[in-house]
ModelCIF file with pLDDT and N, C-alpha, C, O atoms, coordinates in Angstrom:
data_MODEL
#
_entry.id   MODEL 
#
_entity.id                         1 
_entity.type                       polymer 
_entity.pdbx_number_of_molecules   1 
#
_entity_poly.entity_id                      1 
_entity_poly.type                           'polypeptide(L)' 
_entity_poly.nstd_linkage                   no 
_entity_poly.nstd_monomer                   no 
_entity_poly.pdbx_seq_one_letter_code       AWPLLTSFRPEALLTARDARPHLPRGLLLDSLWPGCWAVARQLQCVA 
_entity_poly.pdbx_seq_one_letter_code_can   AWPLLTSFRPEALLTARDARPHLPRGLLLDSLWPGCWAVARQLQCVA 
_entity_poly.pdbx_strand_id                 A 
#
loop_
_entity_poly_seq.entity_id 
_entity_poly_seq.num 
_entity_poly_seq.mon_id 
_entity_poly_seq.hetero 
1 1  ALA n 
1 2  TRP n 
1 3  PRO n 
1 4  LEU n 
1 5  LEU n 
1 6  THR n 
1 7  SER n 
1 8  PHE n 
1 9  ARG n 
1 10 PRO n 
1 11 GLU n 
1 12 ALA n 
1 13 LEU n 
1 14 LEU n 
1 15 THR n 
1 16 ALA n 
1 17 ARG n 
1 18 ASP n 
1 19 ALA n 
1 20 ARG n 
1 21 PRO n 
1 22 HIS n 
1 23 LEU n 
1 24 PRO n 
1 25 ARG n 
1 26 GLY n 
1 27 LEU n 
1 28 LEU n 
1 29 LEU n 
1 30 ASP n 
1 31 SER n 
1 32 LEU n 
1 33 TRP n 
1 34 PRO n 
1 35 GLY n 
1 36 CYS n 
1 37 TRP n 
1 38 ALA n 
1 39 VAL n 
1 40 ALA n 
1 41 ARG n 
1 42 GLN n 
1 43 LEU n 
1 44 GLN n 
1 45 CYS n 
1 46 VAL n 
1 47 ALA n 
#
_struct_asym.id          A 
_struct_asym.entity_id   1 
#
loop_
_ma_qa_metric.id 
_ma_qa_metric.mode 
_ma_qa_metric.name 
_ma_qa_metric.software_group_id 
_ma_qa_metric.type 
1 global pLDDT . pLDDT 
2 local  pLDDT . pLDDT 
#
_ma_qa_metric_global.metric_id      1 
_ma_qa_metric_global.metric_value   97.91 
_ma_qa_metric_global.model_id       1 
_ma_qa_metric_global.ordinal_id     1 
#
loop_
_ma_qa_metric_local.label_asym_id 
_ma_qa_metric_local.label_comp_id 
_ma_qa_metric_local.label_seq_id 
_ma_qa_metric_local.metric_id 
_ma_qa_metric_local.metric_value 
_ma_qa_metric_local.model_id 
_ma_qa_metric_local.ordinal_id 
A ALA 1  2 94.00 1 1  
A TRP 2  2 97.00 1 2  
A PRO 3  2 98.00 1 3  
A LEU 4  2 98.00 1 4  
A LEU 5  2 98.00 1 5  
A THR 6  2 98.00 1 6  
A SER 7  2 99.00 1 7  
A PHE 8  2 98.00 1 8  
A ARG 9  2 98.00 1 9  
A PRO 10 2 98.00 1 10 
A GLU 11 2 98.00 1 11 
A ALA 12 2 98.00 1 12 
A LEU 13 2 98.00 1 13 
A LEU 14 2 98.00 1 14 
A THR 15 2 98.00 1 15 
A ALA 16 2 98.00 1 16 
A ARG 17 2 98.00 1 17 
A ASP 18 2 98.00 1 18 
A ALA 19 2 98.00 1 19 
A ARG 20 2 98.00 1 20 
A PRO 21 2 97.00 1 21 
A HIS 22 2 97.00 1 22 
A LEU 23 2 98.00 1 23 
A PRO 24 2 98.00 1 24 
A ARG 25 2 98.00 1 25 
A GLY 26 2 98.00 1 26 
A LEU 27 2 98.00 1 27 
A LEU 28 2 99.00 1 28 
A LEU 29 2 99.00 1 29 
A ASP 30 2 98.00 1 30 
A SER 31 2 98.00 1 31 
A LEU 32 2 98.00 1 32 
A TRP 33 2 98.00 1 33 
A PRO 34 2 98.00 1 34 
A GLY 35 2 98.00 1 35 
A CYS 36 2 98.00 1 36 
A TRP 37 2 98.00 1 37 
A ALA 38 2 98.00 1 38 
A VAL 39 2 98.00 1 39 
A ALA 40 2 98.00 1 40 
A ARG 41 2 98.00 1 41 
A GLN 42 2 98.00 1 42 
A LEU 43 2 98.00 1 43 
A GLN 44 2 98.00 1 44 
A CYS 45 2 98.00 1 45 
A VAL 46 2 98.00 1 46 
A ALA 47 2 98.00 1 47 
#
loop_
_atom_site.group_PDB 
_atom_site.id 
_atom_site.type_symbol 
_atom_site.label_atom_id 
_atom_site.label_alt_id 
_atom_site.label_comp_id 
_atom_site.label_asym_id 
_atom_site.label_entity_id 
_atom_site.label_seq_id 
_atom_site.pdbx_PDB_ins_code 
_atom_site.Cartn_x 
_atom_site.Cartn_y 
_atom_site.Cartn_z 
_atom_site.occupancy 
_atom_site.B_iso_or_equiv 
_atom_site.pdbx_formal_charge 
_atom_site.auth_seq_id 
_atom_site.auth_comp_id 
_atom_site.auth_asym_id 
_atom_site.auth_atom_id 
_atom_site.pdbx_PDB_model_num 
ATOM 1   N N  . ALA A 1 1  ? 3.482   11.215  17.626 1.00 94.00 ? 1  ALA A N  1 
ATOM 2   C CA . ALA A 1 1  ? 3.836   9.833   16.627 1.00 94.00 ? 1  ALA A CA 1 
ATOM 3   C C  . ALA A 1 1  ? 3.456   10.024  15.779 1.00 94.00 ? 1  ALA A C  1 
ATOM 4   O O  . ALA A 1 1  ? 2.442   10.715  15.687 1.00 94.00 ? 1  ALA A O  1 
ATOM 5   N N  . TRP A 1 2  ? 4.113   9.478   14.661 1.00 97.00 ? 2  TRP A N  1 
ATOM 6   C CA . TRP A 1 2  ? 4.095   9.522   13.583 1.00 97.00 ? 2  TRP A CA 1 
ATOM 7   C C  . TRP A 1 2  ? 2.777   8.458   13.015 1.00 97.00 ? 2  TRP A C  1 
ATOM 8   O O  . TRP A 1 2  ? 2.404   7.406   13.534 1.00 97.00 ? 2  TRP A O  1 
ATOM 9   N N  . PRO A 1 3  ? 2.271   9.109   11.840 1.00 98.00 ? 3  PRO A N  1 
ATOM 10  C CA . PRO A 1 3  ? 0.802   8.704   11.279 1.00 98.00 ? 3  PRO A CA 1 
ATOM 11  C C  . PRO A 1 3  ? 1.354   7.200   10.846 1.00 98.00 ? 3  PRO A C  1 
ATOM 12  O O  . PRO A 1 3  ? 2.509   6.796   10.707 1.00 98.00 ? 3  PRO A O  1 
ATOM 13  N N  . LEU A 1 4  ? -0.157  6.404   10.659 1.00 98.00 ? 4  LEU A N  1 
ATOM 14  C CA . LEU A 1 4  ? 0.456   5.294   9.759  1.00 98.00 ? 4  LEU A CA 1 
ATOM 15  C C  . LEU A 1 4  ? -0.062  5.767   8.333  1.00 98.00 ? 4  LEU A C  1 
ATOM 16  O O  . LEU A 1 4  ? -1.039  6.515   8.306  1.00 98.00 ? 4  LEU A O  1 
ATOM 17  N N  . LEU A 1 5  ? 0.573   5.350   7.084  1.00 98.00 ? 5  LEU A N  1 
ATOM 18  C CA . LEU A 1 5  ? 0.817   5.935   6.013  1.00 98.00 ? 5  LEU A CA 1 
ATOM 19  C C  . LEU A 1 5  ? 0.532   4.135   5.493  1.00 98.00 ? 5  LEU A C  1 
ATOM 20  O O  . LEU A 1 5  ? 1.379   3.241   5.508  1.00 98.00 ? 5  LEU A O  1 
ATOM 21  N N  . THR A 1 6  ? -0.979  4.024   5.046  1.00 98.00 ? 6  THR A N  1 
ATOM 22  C CA . THR A 1 6  ? -1.666  2.973   4.153  1.00 98.00 ? 6  THR A CA 1 
ATOM 23  C C  . THR A 1 6  ? -2.184  3.105   2.761  1.00 98.00 ? 6  THR A C  1 
ATOM 24  O O  . THR A 1 6  ? -2.574  4.225   2.434  1.00 98.00 ? 6  THR A O  1 
ATOM 25  N N  . SER A 1 7  ? -2.236  2.337   2.068  1.00 99.00 ? 7  SER A N  1 
ATOM 26  C CA . SER A 1 7  ? -2.554  2.495   0.492  1.00 99.00 ? 7  SER A CA 1 
ATOM 27  C C  . SER A 1 7  ? -2.700  0.771   0.362  1.00 99.00 ? 7  SER A C  1 
ATOM 28  O O  . SER A 1 7  ? -2.225  -0.179  0.984  1.00 99.00 ? 7  SER A O  1 
ATOM 29  N N  . PHE A 1 8  ? -3.780  0.959   -0.990 1.00 98.00 ? 8  PHE A N  1 
ATOM 30  C CA . PHE A 1 8  ? -4.098  -0.035  -1.566 1.00 98.00 ? 8  PHE A CA 1 
ATOM 31  C C  . PHE A 1 8  ? -2.990  -0.725  -2.742 1.00 98.00 ? 8  PHE A C  1 
ATOM 32  O O  . PHE A 1 8  ? -2.724  -1.883  -3.065 1.00 98.00 ? 8  PHE A O  1 
ATOM 33  N N  . ARG A 1 9  ? -2.505  0.640   -3.190 1.00 98.00 ? 9  ARG A N  1 
ATOM 34  C CA . ARG A 1 9  ? -2.030  0.710   -4.118 1.00 98.00 ? 9  ARG A CA 1 
ATOM 35  C C  . ARG A 1 9  ? 0.245   0.174   -3.664 1.00 98.00 ? 9  ARG A C  1 
ATOM 36  O O  . ARG A 1 9  ? 0.966   1.043   -3.175 1.00 98.00 ? 9  ARG A O  1 
ATOM 37  N N  . PRO A 1 10 ? 0.650   -0.860  -3.896 1.00 98.00 ? 10 PRO A N  1 
ATOM 38  C CA . PRO A 1 10 ? 1.738   -0.973  -3.924 1.00 98.00 ? 10 PRO A CA 1 
ATOM 39  C C  . PRO A 1 10 ? 3.089   -0.018  -4.392 1.00 98.00 ? 10 PRO A C  1 
ATOM 40  O O  . PRO A 1 10 ? 4.112   0.179   -3.736 1.00 98.00 ? 10 PRO A O  1 
ATOM 41  N N  . GLU A 1 11 ? 2.727   0.519   -5.792 1.00 98.00 ? 11 GLU A N  1 
ATOM 42  C CA . GLU A 1 11 ? 3.418   1.285   -5.907 1.00 98.00 ? 11 GLU A CA 1 
ATOM 43  C C  . GLU A 1 11 ? 4.079   2.680   -5.244 1.00 98.00 ? 11 GLU A C  1 
ATOM 44  O O  . GLU A 1 11 ? 5.190   3.210   -5.256 1.00 98.00 ? 11 GLU A O  1 
ATOM 45  N N  . ALA A 1 12 ? 2.476   3.038   -4.531 1.00 98.00 ? 12 ALA A N  1 
ATOM 46  C CA . ALA A 1 12 ? 2.822   3.987   -3.704 1.00 98.00 ? 12 ALA A CA 1 
ATOM 47  C C  . ALA A 1 12 ? 3.559   4.317   -2.320 1.00 98.00 ? 12 ALA A C  1 
ATOM 48  O O  . ALA A 1 12 ? 4.125   5.279   -1.801 1.00 98.00 ? 12 ALA A O  1 
ATOM 49  N N  . LEU A 1 13 ? 3.118   2.489   -1.891 1.00 98.00 ? 13 LEU A N  1 
ATOM 50  C CA . LEU A 1 13 ? 3.539   2.679   -0.681 1.00 98.00 ? 13 LEU A CA 1 
ATOM 51  C C  . LEU A 1 13 ? 5.163   2.346   -0.447 1.00 98.00 ? 13 LEU A C  1 
ATOM 52  O O  . LEU A 1 13 ? 5.812   2.487   0.590  1.00 98.00 ? 13 LEU A O  1 
ATOM 53  N N  . LEU A 1 14 ? 5.781   1.664   -2.273 1.00 98.00 ? 14 LEU A N  1 
ATOM 54  C CA . LEU A 1 14 ? 7.293   1.706   -2.175 1.00 98.00 ? 14 LEU A CA 1 
ATOM 55  C C  . LEU A 1 14 ? 7.778   2.829   -2.594 1.00 98.00 ? 14 LEU A C  1 
ATOM 56  O O  . LEU A 1 14 ? 8.949   3.099   -2.327 1.00 98.00 ? 14 LEU A O  1 
ATOM 57  N N  . THR A 1 15 ? 7.159   3.518   -3.173 1.00 98.00 ? 15 THR A N  1 
ATOM 58  C CA . THR A 1 15 ? 7.798   5.440   -3.153 1.00 98.00 ? 15 THR A CA 1 
ATOM 59  C C  . THR A 1 15 ? 7.725   5.784   -1.916 1.00 98.00 ? 15 THR A C  1 
ATOM 60  O O  . THR A 1 15 ? 8.667   6.460   -1.502 1.00 98.00 ? 15 THR A O  1 
ATOM 61  N N  . ALA A 1 16 ? 6.922   5.535   -1.217 1.00 98.00 ? 16 ALA A N  1 
ATOM 62  C CA . ALA A 1 16 ? 6.742   6.168   0.582  1.00 98.00 ? 16 ALA A CA 1 
ATOM 63  C C  . ALA A 1 16 ? 7.563   6.079   1.120  1.00 98.00 ? 16 ALA A C  1 
ATOM 64  O O  . ALA A 1 16 ? 8.021   7.049   1.724  1.00 98.00 ? 16 ALA A O  1 
ATOM 65  N N  . ARG A 1 17 ? 8.568   3.953   1.177  1.00 98.00 ? 17 ARG A N  1 
ATOM 66  C CA . ARG A 1 17 ? 9.370   3.580   1.774  1.00 98.00 ? 17 ARG A CA 1 
ATOM 67  C C  . ARG A 1 17 ? 10.491  4.488   1.166  1.00 98.00 ? 17 ARG A C  1 
ATOM 68  O O  . ARG A 1 17 ? 11.344  5.157   1.749  1.00 98.00 ? 17 ARG A O  1 
ATOM 69  N N  . ASP A 1 18 ? 10.268  4.334   -0.075 1.00 98.00 ? 18 ASP A N  1 
ATOM 70  C CA . ASP A 1 18 ? 11.982  4.541   -0.565 1.00 98.00 ? 18 ASP A CA 1 
ATOM 71  C C  . ASP A 1 18 ? 12.671  6.095   -0.327 1.00 98.00 ? 18 ASP A C  1 
ATOM 72  O O  . ASP A 1 18 ? 13.864  6.392   -0.275 1.00 98.00 ? 18 ASP A O  1 
ATOM 73  N N  . ALA A 1 19 ? 11.417  7.004   -0.199 1.00 98.00 ? 19 ALA A N  1 
ATOM 74  C CA . ALA A 1 19 ? 11.526  8.432   0.703  1.00 98.00 ? 19 ALA A CA 1 
ATOM 75  C C  . ALA A 1 19 ? 11.828  8.582   1.631  1.00 98.00 ? 19 ALA A C  1 
ATOM 76  O O  . ALA A 1 19 ? 12.966  8.948   1.923  1.00 98.00 ? 19 ALA A O  1 
ATOM 77  N N  . ARG A 1 20 ? 10.815  8.329   2.524  1.00 98.00 ? 20 ARG A N  1 
ATOM 78  C CA . ARG A 1 20 ? 11.171  8.805   3.850  1.00 98.00 ? 20 ARG A CA 1 
ATOM 79  C C  . ARG A 1 20 ? 11.016  6.837   4.566  1.00 98.00 ? 20 ARG A C  1 
ATOM 80  O O  . ARG A 1 20 ? 9.936   6.310   4.835  1.00 98.00 ? 20 ARG A O  1 
ATOM 81  N N  . PRO A 1 21 ? 12.125  6.283   4.680  1.00 97.00 ? 21 PRO A N  1 
ATOM 82  C CA . PRO A 1 21 ? 11.743  4.333   4.864  1.00 97.00 ? 21 PRO A CA 1 
ATOM 83  C C  . PRO A 1 21 ? 11.113  4.531   6.465  1.00 97.00 ? 21 PRO A C  1 
ATOM 84  O O  . PRO A 1 21 ? 10.453  3.635   6.989  1.00 97.00 ? 21 PRO A O  1 
ATOM 85  N N  . HIS A 1 22 ? 11.438  5.933   7.213  1.00 97.00 ? 22 HIS A N  1 
ATOM 86  C CA . HIS A 1 22 ? 11.209  5.870   8.521  1.00 97.00 ? 22 HIS A CA 1 
ATOM 87  C C  . HIS A 1 22 ? 9.526   5.962   9.320  1.00 97.00 ? 22 HIS A C  1 
ATOM 88  O O  . HIS A 1 22 ? 9.226   5.782   10.501 1.00 97.00 ? 22 HIS A O  1 
ATOM 89  N N  . LEU A 1 23 ? 8.638   6.319   8.104  1.00 98.00 ? 23 LEU A N  1 
ATOM 90  C CA . LEU A 1 23 ? 7.739   6.141   8.442  1.00 98.00 ? 23 LEU A CA 1 
ATOM 91  C C  . LEU A 1 23 ? 6.791   4.844   8.369  1.00 98.00 ? 23 LEU A C  1 
ATOM 92  O O  . LEU A 1 23 ? 6.871   4.086   7.402  1.00 98.00 ? 23 LEU A O  1 
ATOM 93  N N  . PRO A 1 24 ? 5.796   4.591   9.534  1.00 98.00 ? 24 PRO A N  1 
ATOM 94  C CA . PRO A 1 24 ? 5.438   3.082   9.186  1.00 98.00 ? 24 PRO A CA 1 
ATOM 95  C C  . PRO A 1 24 ? 4.632   3.036   8.144  1.00 98.00 ? 24 PRO A C  1 
ATOM 96  O O  . PRO A 1 24 ? 4.014   4.053   7.830  1.00 98.00 ? 24 PRO A O  1 
ATOM 97  N N  . ARG A 1 25 ? 4.519   2.085   7.561  1.00 98.00 ? 25 ARG A N  1 
ATOM 98  C CA . ARG A 1 25 ? 3.455   1.758   6.061  1.00 98.00 ? 25 ARG A CA 1 
ATOM 99  C C  . ARG A 1 25 ? 2.513   0.728   6.695  1.00 98.00 ? 25 ARG A C  1 
ATOM 100 O O  . ARG A 1 25 ? 2.835   0.121   7.716  1.00 98.00 ? 25 ARG A O  1 
ATOM 101 N N  . GLY A 1 26 ? 1.071   0.501   5.925  1.00 98.00 ? 26 GLY A N  1 
ATOM 102 C CA . GLY A 1 26 ? 0.488   -0.699  6.212  1.00 98.00 ? 26 GLY A CA 1 
ATOM 103 C C  . GLY A 1 26 ? -0.154  -0.962  4.675  1.00 98.00 ? 26 GLY A C  1 
ATOM 104 O O  . GLY A 1 26 ? -0.609  -0.006  4.047  1.00 98.00 ? 26 GLY A O  1 
ATOM 105 N N  . LEU A 1 27 ? -0.158  -2.308  4.120  1.00 98.00 ? 27 LEU A N  1 
ATOM 106 C CA . LEU A 1 27 ? -0.753  -2.362  2.953  1.00 98.00 ? 27 LEU A CA 1 
ATOM 107 C C  . LEU A 1 27 ? -2.261  -2.884  3.298  1.00 98.00 ? 27 LEU A C  1 
ATOM 108 O O  . LEU A 1 27 ? -2.465  -3.876  3.998  1.00 98.00 ? 27 LEU A O  1 
ATOM 109 N N  . LEU A 1 28 ? -3.367  -2.028  2.671  1.00 99.00 ? 28 LEU A N  1 
ATOM 110 C CA . LEU A 1 28 ? -4.626  -2.216  2.542  1.00 99.00 ? 28 LEU A CA 1 
ATOM 111 C C  . LEU A 1 28 ? -4.933  -3.668  1.666  1.00 99.00 ? 28 LEU A C  1 
ATOM 112 O O  . LEU A 1 28 ? -4.217  -4.165  0.796  1.00 99.00 ? 28 LEU A O  1 
ATOM 113 N N  . LEU A 1 29 ? -6.002  -4.079  2.100  1.00 99.00 ? 29 LEU A N  1 
ATOM 114 C CA . LEU A 1 29 ? -6.448  -5.625  1.438  1.00 99.00 ? 29 LEU A CA 1 
ATOM 115 C C  . LEU A 1 29 ? -7.873  -5.115  1.406  1.00 99.00 ? 29 LEU A C  1 
ATOM 116 O O  . LEU A 1 29 ? -8.583  -4.580  2.258  1.00 99.00 ? 29 LEU A O  1 
ATOM 117 N N  . ASP A 1 30 ? -8.142  -5.614  -0.442 1.00 98.00 ? 30 ASP A N  1 
ATOM 118 C CA . ASP A 1 30 ? -10.009 -6.051  -0.239 1.00 98.00 ? 30 ASP A CA 1 
ATOM 119 C C  . ASP A 1 30 ? -10.223 -7.523  -0.397 1.00 98.00 ? 30 ASP A C  1 
ATOM 120 O O  . ASP A 1 30 ? -11.254 -8.192  -0.334 1.00 98.00 ? 30 ASP A O  1 
ATOM 121 N N  . SER A 1 31 ? -8.894  -7.870  -0.634 1.00 98.00 ? 31 SER A N  1 
ATOM 122 C CA . SER A 1 31 ? -9.040  -9.394  -1.371 1.00 98.00 ? 31 SER A CA 1 
ATOM 123 C C  . SER A 1 31 ? -7.502  -9.949  -1.161 1.00 98.00 ? 31 SER A C  1 
ATOM 124 O O  . SER A 1 31 ? -6.474  -9.301  -1.362 1.00 98.00 ? 31 SER A O  1 
ATOM 125 N N  . LEU A 1 32 ? -7.613  -11.441 -0.663 1.00 98.00 ? 32 LEU A N  1 
ATOM 126 C CA . LEU A 1 32 ? -6.273  -11.767 -0.660 1.00 98.00 ? 32 LEU A CA 1 
ATOM 127 C C  . LEU A 1 32 ? -5.794  -12.338 -2.057 1.00 98.00 ? 32 LEU A C  1 
ATOM 128 O O  . LEU A 1 32 ? -5.893  -13.459 -2.555 1.00 98.00 ? 32 LEU A O  1 
ATOM 129 N N  . TRP A 1 33 ? -5.352  -11.395 -2.411 1.00 98.00 ? 33 TRP A N  1 
ATOM 130 C CA . TRP A 1 33 ? -4.379  -11.559 -3.902 1.00 98.00 ? 33 TRP A CA 1 
ATOM 131 C C  . TRP A 1 33 ? -3.002  -12.203 -4.145 1.00 98.00 ? 33 TRP A C  1 
ATOM 132 O O  . TRP A 1 33 ? -2.011  -11.701 -3.613 1.00 98.00 ? 33 TRP A O  1 
ATOM 133 N N  . PRO A 1 34 ? -2.937  -12.882 -4.630 1.00 98.00 ? 34 PRO A N  1 
ATOM 134 C CA . PRO A 1 34 ? -1.919  -14.030 -4.936 1.00 98.00 ? 34 PRO A CA 1 
ATOM 135 C C  . PRO A 1 34 ? -0.542  -12.970 -5.007 1.00 98.00 ? 34 PRO A C  1 
ATOM 136 O O  . PRO A 1 34 ? -0.447  -11.916 -5.636 1.00 98.00 ? 34 PRO A O  1 
ATOM 137 N N  . GLY A 1 35 ? 0.572   -13.708 -4.051 1.00 98.00 ? 35 GLY A N  1 
ATOM 138 C CA . GLY A 1 35 ? 1.375   -12.532 -3.561 1.00 98.00 ? 35 GLY A CA 1 
ATOM 139 C C  . GLY A 1 35 ? 1.503   -11.603 -2.538 1.00 98.00 ? 35 GLY A C  1 
ATOM 140 O O  . GLY A 1 35 ? 2.577   -11.071 -2.256 1.00 98.00 ? 35 GLY A O  1 
ATOM 141 N N  . CYS A 1 36 ? -0.066  -11.280 -1.690 1.00 98.00 ? 36 CYS A N  1 
ATOM 142 C CA . CYS A 1 36 ? 0.250   -10.160 -1.229 1.00 98.00 ? 36 CYS A CA 1 
ATOM 143 C C  . CYS A 1 36 ? 1.094   -10.033 -0.044 1.00 98.00 ? 36 CYS A C  1 
ATOM 144 O O  . CYS A 1 36 ? 1.831   -9.052  0.059  1.00 98.00 ? 36 CYS A O  1 
ATOM 145 N N  . TRP A 1 37 ? 1.055   -10.945 0.871  1.00 98.00 ? 37 TRP A N  1 
ATOM 146 C CA . TRP A 1 37 ? 2.174   -11.233 2.251  1.00 98.00 ? 37 TRP A CA 1 
ATOM 147 C C  . TRP A 1 37 ? 3.096   -10.774 1.643  1.00 98.00 ? 37 TRP A C  1 
ATOM 148 O O  . TRP A 1 37 ? 3.198   -9.552  1.750  1.00 98.00 ? 37 TRP A O  1 
ATOM 149 N N  . ALA A 1 38 ? 4.272   -11.565 0.665  1.00 98.00 ? 38 ALA A N  1 
ATOM 150 C CA . ALA A 1 38 ? 5.224   -11.452 0.003  1.00 98.00 ? 38 ALA A CA 1 
ATOM 151 C C  . ALA A 1 38 ? 5.422   -9.832  -0.131 1.00 98.00 ? 38 ALA A C  1 
ATOM 152 O O  . ALA A 1 38 ? 6.523   -9.407  0.221  1.00 98.00 ? 38 ALA A O  1 
ATOM 153 N N  . VAL A 1 39 ? 4.223   -8.662  -0.724 1.00 98.00 ? 39 VAL A N  1 
ATOM 154 C CA . VAL A 1 39 ? 5.020   -7.640  -0.837 1.00 98.00 ? 39 VAL A CA 1 
ATOM 155 C C  . VAL A 1 39 ? 4.493   -6.612  0.296  1.00 98.00 ? 39 VAL A C  1 
ATOM 156 O O  . VAL A 1 39 ? 4.589   -5.389  0.397  1.00 98.00 ? 39 VAL A O  1 
ATOM 157 N N  . ALA A 1 40 ? 3.997   -7.438  0.970  1.00 98.00 ? 40 ALA A N  1 
ATOM 158 C CA . ALA A 1 40 ? 3.868   -6.657  2.464  1.00 98.00 ? 40 ALA A CA 1 
ATOM 159 C C  . ALA A 1 40 ? 4.957   -6.795  3.170  1.00 98.00 ? 40 ALA A C  1 
ATOM 160 O O  . ALA A 1 40 ? 5.296   -5.824  3.846  1.00 98.00 ? 40 ALA A O  1 
ATOM 161 N N  . ARG A 1 41 ? 5.945   -8.251  3.212  1.00 98.00 ? 41 ARG A N  1 
ATOM 162 C CA . ARG A 1 41 ? 7.031   -7.994  3.400  1.00 98.00 ? 41 ARG A CA 1 
ATOM 163 C C  . ARG A 1 41 ? 7.843   -7.380  2.954  1.00 98.00 ? 41 ARG A C  1 
ATOM 164 O O  . ARG A 1 41 ? 8.672   -6.862  3.702  1.00 98.00 ? 41 ARG A O  1 
ATOM 165 N N  . GLN A 1 42 ? 7.906   -7.215  1.638  1.00 98.00 ? 42 GLN A N  1 
ATOM 166 C CA . GLN A 1 42 ? 9.035   -6.327  0.798  1.00 98.00 ? 42 GLN A CA 1 
ATOM 167 C C  . GLN A 1 42 ? 8.834   -4.786  1.125  1.00 98.00 ? 42 GLN A C  1 
ATOM 168 O O  . GLN A 1 42 ? 9.754   -3.971  1.196  1.00 98.00 ? 42 GLN A O  1 
ATOM 169 N N  . LEU A 1 43 ? 7.797   -4.577  1.270  1.00 98.00 ? 43 LEU A N  1 
ATOM 170 C CA . LEU A 1 43 ? 7.617   -3.221  1.652  1.00 98.00 ? 43 LEU A CA 1 
ATOM 171 C C  . LEU A 1 43 ? 8.367   -2.841  3.127  1.00 98.00 ? 43 LEU A C  1 
ATOM 172 O O  . LEU A 1 43 ? 8.934   -1.763  3.305  1.00 98.00 ? 43 LEU A O  1 
ATOM 173 N N  . GLN A 1 44 ? 8.295   -3.663  3.920  1.00 98.00 ? 44 GLN A N  1 
ATOM 174 C CA . GLN A 1 44 ? 8.815   -3.736  4.919  1.00 98.00 ? 44 GLN A CA 1 
ATOM 175 C C  . GLN A 1 44 ? 6.955   -2.827  6.043  1.00 98.00 ? 44 GLN A C  1 
ATOM 176 O O  . GLN A 1 44 ? 6.833   -2.219  7.106  1.00 98.00 ? 44 GLN A O  1 
ATOM 177 N N  . CYS A 1 45 ? 6.163   -3.198  5.153  1.00 98.00 ? 45 CYS A N  1 
ATOM 178 C CA . CYS A 1 45 ? 5.270   -2.739  6.564  1.00 98.00 ? 45 CYS A CA 1 
ATOM 179 C C  . CYS A 1 45 ? 5.126   -3.104  7.984  1.00 98.00 ? 45 CYS A C  1 
ATOM 180 O O  . CYS A 1 45 ? 5.327   -4.256  8.367  1.00 98.00 ? 45 CYS A O  1 
ATOM 181 N N  . VAL A 1 46 ? 4.845   -2.321  8.628  1.00 98.00 ? 46 VAL A N  1 
ATOM 182 C CA . VAL A 1 46 ? 4.817   -2.719  10.041 1.00 98.00 ? 46 VAL A CA 1 
ATOM 183 C C  . VAL A 1 46 ? 2.694   -3.252  10.205 1.00 98.00 ? 46 VAL A C  1 
ATOM 184 O O  . VAL A 1 46 ? 2.271   -3.771  11.238 1.00 98.00 ? 46 VAL A O  1 
ATOM 185 N N  . ALA A 1 47 ? 2.117   -3.065  9.443  1.00 98.00 ? 47 ALA A N  1 
ATOM 186 C CA . ALA A 1 47 ? 0.488   -3.256  9.611  1.00 98.00 ? 47 ALA A CA 1 
ATOM 187 C C  . ALA A 1 47 ? -0.140  -3.870  8.355  1.00 98.00 ? 47 ALA A C  1 
ATOM 188 O O  . ALA A 1 47 ? -1.352  -4.081  8.311  1.00 98.00 ? 47 ALA A O  1 
#
């Protein structure tokens, strides 16, 4: 099975998505910063 790619850095997940959109992605959060859920949706995170 594919691994889960995660990062605290949305910029890294964005280019991962653009390069290989079929790979599962997850946004890492150490705090609930403003707009974090919108970013997770934009990045099409599965986790």
